[in-house]
Amino acid sequence: MKKTSLKTDHWYKFKEQSGEVHIGQFLGRCEGFECCVCGKGENAYCFNIWYCKEDYETWGYGKEHMPEILEDLGTSEEVIVDR
């Protein structure tokens, strides 16, 4: 992962190690969340990934599996749906 200072509540376009690109809202480190890649840890860096305006999932990443940040989309009053 390229060293980037992520800002809580900012929306980011990012690429996972698998090559998939997503958009999610960064929540910071969240207690109780494990890494969605390896299943380890309990204090992951989390993103809310929105499927529609009423449905989202929280994905946590450990330091070793953080996705590559492609773009900081800033903050938004509206939900940004991952397409």
PDB file of N, CA and C in Angstrom:
ATOM      1  N   MET A   1       0.828  -1.188   0.000  1.00  0.00           N
ATOM      2  CA  MET A   1       0.000   0.000   0.000  1.00  0.00           C
ATOM      3  C   MET A   1       0.870   1.248   0.000  1.00  0.00           C
ATOM      4  N   LYS A   2       0.548   2.159  -0.853  1.00  0.00           N
ATOM      5  CA  LYS A   2       1.229   3.443  -0.877  1.00  0.00           C
ATOM      6  C   LYS A   2       0.859   4.189   0.405  1.00  0.00           C
ATOM      7  N   LYS A   3       1.851   4.783   1.069  1.00  0.00           N
ATOM      8  CA  LYS A   3       1.607   5.503   2.318  1.00  0.00           C
ATOM      9  C   LYS A   3       0.666   6.674   2.052  1.00  0.00           C
ATOM     10  N   THR A   4      -0.537   6.613   2.610  1.00  0.00           N
ATOM     11  CA  THR A   4      -1.525   7.658   2.468  1.00  0.00           C
ATOM     12  C   THR A   4      -2.170   7.877   3.822  1.00  0.00           C
ATOM     13  N   SER A   5      -2.382   9.108   4.190  1.00  0.00           N
ATOM     14  CA  SER A   5      -3.061   9.412   5.434  1.00  0.00           C
ATOM     15  C   SER A   5      -4.557   9.472   5.145  1.00  0.00           C
ATOM     16  N   LEU A   6      -5.286   8.444   5.564  1.00  0.00           N
ATOM     17  CA  LEU A   6      -6.715   8.383   5.309  1.00  0.00           C
ATOM     18  C   LEU A   6      -7.466   9.228   6.322  1.00  0.00           C
ATOM     19  N   LYS A   7      -8.516   9.878   5.869  1.00  0.00           N
ATOM     20  CA  LYS A   7      -9.316  10.753   6.719  1.00  0.00           C
ATOM     21  C   LYS A   7     -10.676  10.110   6.981  1.00  0.00           C
ATOM     22  N   THR A   8     -11.035  10.037   8.245  1.00  0.00           N
ATOM     23  CA  THR A   8     -12.322   9.477   8.637  1.00  0.00           C
ATOM     24  C   THR A   8     -13.454  10.233   7.953  1.00  0.00           C
ATOM     25  N   ASP A   9     -14.452   9.488   7.500  1.00  0.00           N
ATOM     26  CA  ASP A   9     -15.647   9.986   6.812  1.00  0.00           C
ATOM     27  C   ASP A   9     -15.404  10.433   5.375  1.00  0.00           C
ATOM     28  N   HIS A  10     -14.172  10.319   4.882  1.00  0.00           N
ATOM     29  CA  HIS A  10     -13.920  10.585   3.462  1.00  0.00           C
ATOM     30  C   HIS A  10     -14.271   9.335   2.669  1.00  0.00           C
ATOM     31  N   TRP A  11     -14.677   9.546   1.451  1.00  0.00           N
ATOM     32  CA  TRP A  11     -14.953   8.463   0.519  1.00  0.00           C
ATOM     33  C   TRP A  11     -13.709   8.255  -0.328  1.00  0.00           C
ATOM     34  N   TYR A  12     -13.368   6.979  -0.532  1.00  0.00           N
ATOM     35  CA  TYR A  12     -12.169   6.650  -1.300  1.00  0.00           C
ATOM     36  C   TYR A  12     -12.488   5.633  -2.383  1.00  0.00           C
ATOM     37  N   LYS A  13     -11.857   5.814  -3.525  1.00  0.00           N
ATOM     38  CA  LYS A  13     -11.836   4.794  -4.568  1.00  0.00           C
ATOM     39  C   LYS A  13     -10.561   4.021  -4.311  1.00  0.00           C
ATOM     40  N   PHE A  14     -10.672   2.698  -4.172  1.00  0.00           N
ATOM     41  CA  PHE A  14      -9.494   1.903  -3.841  1.00  0.00           C
ATOM     42  C   PHE A  14      -9.472   0.582  -4.596  1.00  0.00           C
ATOM     43  N   LYS A  15      -8.257   0.028  -4.711  1.00  0.00           N
ATOM     44  CA  LYS A  15      -8.077  -1.251  -5.403  1.00  0.00           C
ATOM     45  C   LYS A  15      -7.554  -2.269  -4.405  1.00  0.00           C
ATOM     46  N   GLU A  16      -8.291  -3.369  -4.281  1.00  0.00           N
ATOM     47  CA  GLU A  16      -7.860  -4.458  -3.405  1.00  0.00           C
ATOM     48  C   GLU A  16      -6.705  -5.217  -4.055  1.00  0.00           C
ATOM     49  N   GLN A  17      -6.031  -6.044  -3.275  1.00  0.00           N
ATOM     50  CA  GLN A  17      -4.918  -6.839  -3.798  1.00  0.00           C
ATOM     51  C   GLN A  17      -5.378  -7.796  -4.895  1.00  0.00           C
ATOM     52  N   SER A  18      -6.671  -8.150  -4.896  1.00  0.00           N
ATOM     53  CA  SER A  18      -7.221  -9.018  -5.939  1.00  0.00           C
ATOM     54  C   SER A  18      -7.372  -8.289  -7.274  1.00  0.00           C
ATOM     55  N   GLY A  19      -7.249  -6.957  -7.244  1.00  0.00           N
ATOM     56  CA  GLY A  19      -7.405  -6.157  -8.454  1.00  0.00           C
ATOM     57  C   GLY A  19      -8.770  -5.498  -8.572  1.00  0.00           C
ATOM     58  N   GLU A  20      -9.722  -5.876  -7.718  1.00  0.00           N
ATOM     59  CA  GLU A  20     -11.056  -5.285  -7.756  1.00  0.00           C
ATOM     60  C   GLU A  20     -11.014  -3.852  -7.238  1.00  0.00           C
ATOM     61  N   VAL A  21     -11.756  -2.966  -7.914  1.00  0.00           N
ATOM     62  CA  VAL A  21     -11.838  -1.560  -7.527  1.00  0.00           C
ATOM     63  C   VAL A  21     -13.189  -1.304  -6.888  1.00  0.00           C
ATOM     64  N   HIS A  22     -13.192  -0.569  -5.773  1.00  0.00           N
ATOM     65  CA  HIS A  22     -14.409  -0.261  -5.029  1.00  0.00           C
ATOM     66  C   HIS A  22     -14.379   1.181  -4.559  1.00  0.00           C
ATOM     67  N   ILE A  23     -15.540   1.655  -4.122  1.00  0.00           N
ATOM     68  CA  ILE A  23     -15.656   2.952  -3.467  1.00  0.00           C
ATOM     69  C   ILE A  23     -16.259   2.709  -2.098  1.00  0.00           C
ATOM     70  N   GLY A  24     -15.626   3.294  -1.076  1.00  0.00           N
ATOM     71  CA  GLY A  24     -16.129   3.125   0.284  1.00  0.00           C
ATOM     72  C   GLY A  24     -15.825   4.327   1.149  1.00  0.00           C
ATOM     73  N   GLN A  25     -16.606   4.451   2.219  1.00  0.00           N
ATOM     74  CA  GLN A  25     -16.423   5.528   3.188  1.00  0.00           C
ATOM     75  C   GLN A  25     -15.524   5.018   4.311  1.00  0.00           C
ATOM     76  N   PHE A  26     -14.416   5.691   4.556  1.00  0.00           N
ATOM     77  CA  PHE A  26     -13.458   5.257   5.564  1.00  0.00           C
ATOM     78  C   PHE A  26     -13.958   5.597   6.957  1.00  0.00           C
ATOM     79  N   LEU A  27     -13.942   4.597   7.849  1.00  0.00           N
ATOM     80  CA  LEU A  27     -14.425   4.764   9.213  1.00  0.00           C
ATOM     81  C   LEU A  27     -13.310   4.901  10.232  1.00  0.00           C
ATOM     82  N   GLY A  28     -12.086   4.614   9.823  1.00  0.00           N
ATOM     83  CA  GLY A  28     -10.972   4.565  10.764  1.00  0.00           C
ATOM     84  C   GLY A  28     -10.794   3.140  11.262  1.00  0.00           C
ATOM     85  N   ARG A  29     -10.059   2.983  12.365  1.00  0.00           N
ATOM     86  CA  ARG A  29      -9.873   1.658  12.949  1.00  0.00           C
ATOM     87  C   ARG A  29     -11.086   1.336  13.805  1.00  0.00           C
ATOM     88  N   CYS A  30     -11.609   0.137  13.653  1.00  0.00           N
ATOM     89  CA  CYS A  30     -12.834  -0.245  14.349  1.00  0.00           C
ATOM     90  C   CYS A  30     -12.597  -1.498  15.184  1.00  0.00           C
ATOM     91  N   GLU A  31     -12.772  -1.372  16.466  1.00  0.00           N
ATOM     92  CA  GLU A  31     -12.611  -2.482  17.384  1.00  0.00           C
ATOM     93  C   GLU A  31     -13.655  -3.557  17.074  1.00  0.00           C
ATOM     94  N   GLY A  32     -13.209  -4.808  17.101  1.00  0.00           N
ATOM     95  CA  GLY A  32     -14.102  -5.933  16.852  1.00  0.00           C
ATOM     96  C   GLY A  32     -14.159  -6.387  15.403  1.00  0.00           C
ATOM     97  N   PHE A  33     -13.487  -5.682  14.500  1.00  0.00           N
ATOM     98  CA  PHE A  33     -13.486  -6.065  13.090  1.00  0.00           C
ATOM     99  C   PHE A  33     -12.158  -6.723  12.736  1.00  0.00           C
ATOM    100  N   GLU A  34     -12.253  -7.871  12.086  1.00  0.00           N
ATOM    101  CA  GLU A  34     -11.055  -8.572  11.613  1.00  0.00           C
ATOM    102  C   GLU A  34     -10.799  -8.213  10.155  1.00  0.00           C
ATOM    103  N   CYS A  35      -9.637  -8.590   9.661  1.00  0.00           N
ATOM    104  CA  CYS A  35      -9.274  -8.360   8.267  1.00  0.00           C
ATOM    105  C   CYS A  35     -10.141  -9.244   7.368  1.00  0.00           C
ATOM    106  N   CYS A  36     -10.776  -8.639   6.363  1.00  0.00           N
ATOM    107  CA  CYS A  36     -11.636  -9.414   5.456  1.00  0.00           C
ATOM    108  C   CYS A  36     -10.819 -10.273   4.496  1.00  0.00           C
ATOM    109  N   VAL A  37      -9.517 -10.059   4.426  1.00  0.00           N
ATOM    110  CA  VAL A  37      -8.657 -10.841   3.532  1.00  0.00           C
ATOM    111  C   VAL A  37      -8.162 -12.099   4.230  1.00  0.00           C
ATOM    112  N   CYS A  38      -7.625 -11.949   5.458  1.00  0.00           N
ATOM    113  CA  CYS A  38      -7.016 -13.097   6.135  1.00  0.00           C
ATOM    114  C   CYS A  38      -7.770 -13.558   7.377  1.00  0.00           C
ATOM    115  N   GLY A  39      -8.743 -12.762   7.849  1.00  0.00           N
ATOM    116  CA  GLY A  39      -9.537 -13.154   9.010  1.00  0.00           C
ATOM    117  C   GLY A  39      -8.839 -12.953  10.349  1.00  0.00           C
ATOM    118  N   LYS A  40      -7.695 -12.282  10.351  1.00  0.00           N
ATOM    119  CA  LYS A  40      -6.946 -12.077  11.596  1.00  0.00           C
ATOM    120  C   LYS A  40      -7.209 -10.690  12.163  1.00  0.00           C
ATOM    121  N   GLY A  41      -6.862 -10.533  13.444  1.00  0.00           N
ATOM    122  CA  GLY A  41      -6.945  -9.245  14.108  1.00  0.00           C
ATOM    123  C   GLY A  41      -8.332  -8.953  14.635  1.00  0.00           C
ATOM    124  N   GLU A  42      -8.425  -7.823  15.306  1.00  0.00           N
ATOM    125  CA  GLU A  42      -9.715  -7.404  15.852  1.00  0.00           C
ATOM    126  C   GLU A  42      -9.806  -5.882  15.980  1.00  0.00           C
ATOM    127  N   ASN A  43      -9.004  -5.180  15.192  1.00  0.00           N
ATOM    128  CA  ASN A  43      -8.994  -3.723  15.217  1.00  0.00           C
ATOM    129  C   ASN A  43      -8.626  -3.210  13.821  1.00  0.00           C
ATOM    130  N   ALA A  44      -9.417  -3.623  12.824  1.00  0.00           N
ATOM    131  CA  ALA A  44      -9.101  -3.360  11.422  1.00  0.00           C
ATOM    132  C   ALA A  44      -9.427  -1.930  10.998  1.00  0.00           C
ATOM    133  N   TYR A  45      -8.807  -1.529   9.894  1.00  0.00           N
ATOM    134  CA  TYR A  45      -9.146  -0.276   9.227  1.00  0.00           C
ATOM    135  C   TYR A  45     -10.390  -0.575   8.387  1.00  0.00           C
ATOM    136  N   CYS A  46     -11.475   0.166   8.613  1.00  0.00           N
ATOM    137  CA  CYS A  46     -12.760  -0.211   8.021  1.00  0.00           C
ATOM    138  C   CYS A  46     -13.307   0.804   7.027  1.00  0.00           C
ATOM    139  N   PHE A  47     -13.981   0.261   6.023  1.00  0.00           N
ATOM    140  CA  PHE A  47     -14.691   1.037   5.011  1.00  0.00           C
ATOM    141  C   PHE A  47     -16.128   0.534   4.958  1.00  0.00           C
ATOM    142  N   ASN A  48     -17.091   1.444   4.855  1.00  0.00           N
ATOM    143  CA  ASN A  48     -18.470   1.058   4.550  1.00  0.00           C
ATOM    144  C   ASN A  48     -18.603   1.048   3.037  1.00  0.00           C
ATOM    145  N   ILE A  49     -19.036  -0.083   2.508  1.00  0.00           N
ATOM    146  CA  ILE A  49     -19.265  -0.256   1.078  1.00  0.00           C
ATOM    147  C   ILE A  49     -20.777  -0.303   0.881  1.00  0.00           C
ATOM    148  N   TRP A  50     -21.313   0.651   0.146  1.00  0.00           N
ATOM    149  CA  TRP A  50     -22.752   0.787  -0.045  1.00  0.00           C
ATOM    150  C   TRP A  50     -23.178   0.118  -1.353  1.00  0.00           C
ATOM    151  N   TYR A  51     -24.182  -0.766  -1.263  1.00  0.00           N
ATOM    152  CA  TYR A  51     -24.735  -1.459  -2.437  1.00  0.00           C
ATOM    153  C   TYR A  51     -25.901  -0.682  -3.033  1.00  0.00           C
ATOM    154  N   CYS A  52     -26.612   0.045  -2.177  1.00  0.00           N
ATOM    155  CA  CYS A  52     -27.676   0.967  -2.552  1.00  0.00           C
ATOM    156  C   CYS A  52     -27.828   1.913  -1.366  1.00  0.00           C
ATOM    157  N   LYS A  53     -28.725   2.882  -1.440  1.00  0.00           N
ATOM    158  CA  LYS A  53     -28.816   3.882  -0.373  1.00  0.00           C
ATOM    159  C   LYS A  53     -29.275   3.315   0.965  1.00  0.00           C
ATOM    160  N   GLU A  54     -29.808   2.101   0.971  1.00  0.00           N
ATOM    161  CA  GLU A  54     -30.294   1.504   2.215  1.00  0.00           C
ATOM    162  C   GLU A  54     -29.491   0.284   2.658  1.00  0.00           C
ATOM    163  N   ASP A  55     -28.502  -0.132   1.901  1.00  0.00           N
ATOM    164  CA  ASP A  55     -27.810  -1.388   2.194  1.00  0.00           C
ATOM    165  C   ASP A  55     -26.300  -1.223   2.042  1.00  0.00           C
ATOM    166  N   TYR A  56     -25.583  -1.520   3.117  1.00  0.00           N
ATOM    167  CA  TYR A  56     -24.135  -1.439   3.085  1.00  0.00           C
ATOM    168  C   TYR A  56     -23.523  -2.575   3.897  1.00  0.00           C
ATOM    169  N   GLU A  57     -22.237  -2.735   3.720  1.00  0.00           N
ATOM    170  CA  GLU A  57     -21.469  -3.741   4.450  1.00  0.00           C
ATOM    171  C   GLU A  57     -20.163  -3.068   4.884  1.00  0.00           C
ATOM    172  N   THR A  58     -19.676  -3.430   6.055  1.00  0.00           N
ATOM    173  CA  THR A  58     -18.412  -2.884   6.546  1.00  0.00           C
ATOM    174  C   THR A  58     -17.305  -3.892   6.284  1.00  0.00           C
ATOM    175  N   TRP A  59     -16.277  -3.450   5.570  1.00  0.00           N
ATOM    176  CA  TRP A  59     -15.124  -4.291   5.270  1.00  0.00           C
ATOM    177  C   TRP A  59     -13.939  -3.799   6.078  1.00  0.00           C
ATOM    178  N   GLY A  60     -13.286  -4.701   6.785  1.00  0.00           N
ATOM    179  CA  GLY A  60     -12.109  -4.355   7.565  1.00  0.00           C
ATOM    180  C   GLY A  60     -10.845  -4.901   6.911  1.00  0.00           C
ATOM    181  N   TYR A  61      -9.769  -4.149   7.016  1.00  0.00           N
ATOM    182  CA  TYR A  61      -8.477  -4.553   6.450  1.00  0.00           C
ATOM    183  C   TYR A  61      -7.389  -4.409   7.503  1.00  0.00           C
ATOM    184  N   GLY A  62      -6.564  -5.441   7.626  1.00  0.00           N
ATOM    185  CA  GLY A  62      -5.384  -5.359   8.463  1.00  0.00           C
ATOM    186  C   GLY A  62      -4.317  -4.552   7.746  1.00  0.00           C
ATOM    187  N   LYS A  63      -3.318  -4.128   8.475  1.00  0.00           N
ATOM    188  CA  LYS A  63      -2.250  -3.281   7.919  1.00  0.00           C
ATOM    189  C   LYS A  63      -1.588  -3.937   6.703  1.00  0.00           C
ATOM    190  N   GLU A  64      -1.416  -5.276   6.746  1.00  0.00           N
ATOM    191  CA  GLU A  64      -0.743  -5.990   5.649  1.00  0.00           C
ATOM    192  C   GLU A  64      -1.597  -6.103   4.394  1.00  0.00           C
ATOM    193  N   HIS A  65      -2.909  -5.917   4.521  1.00  0.00           N
ATOM    194  CA  HIS A  65      -3.804  -6.120   3.382  1.00  0.00           C
ATOM    195  C   HIS A  65      -4.574  -4.862   2.974  1.00  0.00           C
ATOM    196  N   MET A  66      -4.100  -3.715   3.434  1.00  0.00           N
ATOM    197  CA  MET A  66      -4.782  -2.469   3.064  1.00  0.00           C
ATOM    198  C   MET A  66      -4.785  -2.308   1.552  1.00  0.00           C
ATOM    199  N   PRO A  67      -5.924  -1.887   1.004  1.00  0.00           N
ATOM    200  CA  PRO A  67      -5.995  -1.677  -0.440  1.00  0.00           C
ATOM    201  C   PRO A  67      -5.204  -0.438  -0.865  1.00  0.00           C
ATOM    202  N   GLU A  68      -4.916  -0.368  -2.149  1.00  0.00           N
ATOM    203  CA  GLU A  68      -4.240   0.796  -2.719  1.00  0.00           C
ATOM    204  C   GLU A  68      -5.278   1.897  -2.923  1.00  0.00           C
ATOM    205  N   ILE A  69      -5.016   3.058  -2.360  1.00  0.00           N
ATOM    206  CA  ILE A  69      -5.938   4.182  -2.508  1.00  0.00           C
ATOM    207  C   ILE A  69      -5.688   4.825  -3.872  1.00  0.00           C
ATOM    208  N   LEU A  70      -6.740   4.862  -4.687  1.00  0.00           N
ATOM    209  CA  LEU A  70      -6.634   5.424  -6.029  1.00  0.00           C
ATOM    210  C   LEU A  70      -7.037   6.891  -6.067  1.00  0.00           C
ATOM    211  N   GLU A  71      -8.041   7.243  -5.228  1.00  0.00           N
ATOM    212  CA  GLU A  71      -8.532   8.620  -5.261  1.00  0.00           C
ATOM    213  C   GLU A  71      -9.274   8.936  -3.967  1.00  0.00           C
ATOM    214  N   ASP A  72      -9.027  10.122  -3.418  1.00  0.00           N
ATOM    215  CA  ASP A  72      -9.779  10.641  -2.274  1.00  0.00           C
ATOM    216  C   ASP A  72     -10.939  11.438  -2.854  1.00  0.00           C
ATOM    217  N   LEU A  73     -12.163  10.968  -2.620  1.00  0.00           N
ATOM    218  CA  LEU A  73     -13.353  11.624  -3.157  1.00  0.00           C
ATOM    219  C   LEU A  73     -13.923  12.659  -2.189  1.00  0.00           C
ATOM    220  N   GLY A  74     -13.266  12.846  -1.051  1.00  0.00           N
ATOM    221  CA  GLY A  74     -13.709  13.839  -0.078  1.00  0.00           C
ATOM    222  C   GLY A  74     -14.919  13.358   0.713  1.00  0.00           C
ATOM    223  N   THR A  75     -15.621  14.311   1.315  1.00  0.00           N
ATOM    224  CA  THR A  75     -16.822  13.973   2.091  1.00  0.00           C
ATOM    225  C   THR A  75     -18.040  14.180   1.208  1.00  0.00           C
ATOM    226  N   SER A  76     -19.148  13.579   1.628  1.00  0.00           N
ATOM    227  CA  SER A  76     -20.377  13.695   0.846  1.00  0.00           C
ATOM    228  C   SER A  76     -21.572  13.593   1.783  1.00  0.00           C
ATOM    229  N   GLU A  77     -22.559  14.446   1.575  1.00  0.00           N
ATOM    230  CA  GLU A  77     -23.816  14.361   2.333  1.00  0.00           C
ATOM    231  C   GLU A  77     -24.630  13.153   1.853  1.00  0.00           C
ATOM    232  N   GLU A  78     -24.418  12.762   0.625  1.00  0.00           N
ATOM    233  CA  GLU A  78     -25.141  11.639   0.017  1.00  0.00           C
ATOM    234  C   GLU A  78     -24.271  10.378   0.034  1.00  0.00           C
ATOM    235  N   VAL A  79     -24.918   9.242   0.084  1.00  0.00           N
ATOM    236  CA  VAL A  79     -24.242   7.954  -0.019  1.00  0.00           C
ATOM    237  C   VAL A  79     -23.688   7.800  -1.431  1.00  0.00           C
ATOM    238  N   ILE A  80     -22.460   7.318  -1.534  1.00  0.00           N
ATOM    239  CA  ILE A  80     -21.871   7.013  -2.844  1.00  0.00           C
ATOM    240  C   ILE A  80     -21.911   5.493  -2.997  1.00  0.00           C
ATOM    241  N   VAL A  81     -22.699   5.031  -3.942  1.00  0.00           N
ATOM    242  CA  VAL A  81     -22.898   3.603  -4.162  1.00  0.00           C
ATOM    243  C   VAL A  81     -21.716   3.021  -4.932  1.00  0.00           C
ATOM    244  N   ASP A  82     -21.209   1.885  -4.449  1.00  0.00           N
ATOM    245  CA  ASP A  82     -20.111   1.170  -5.121  1.00  0.00           C
ATOM    246  C   ASP A  82     -20.693   0.438  -6.325  1.00  0.00           C
ATOM    247  N   ARG A  83     -20.224   0.764  -7.511  1.00  0.00           N
ATOM    248  CA  ARG A  83     -20.757   0.127  -8.730  1.00  0.00           C
ATOM    249  C   ARG A  83     -19.748  -0.807  -9.318  1.00  0.00           C
TER     250      ARG A  83
END
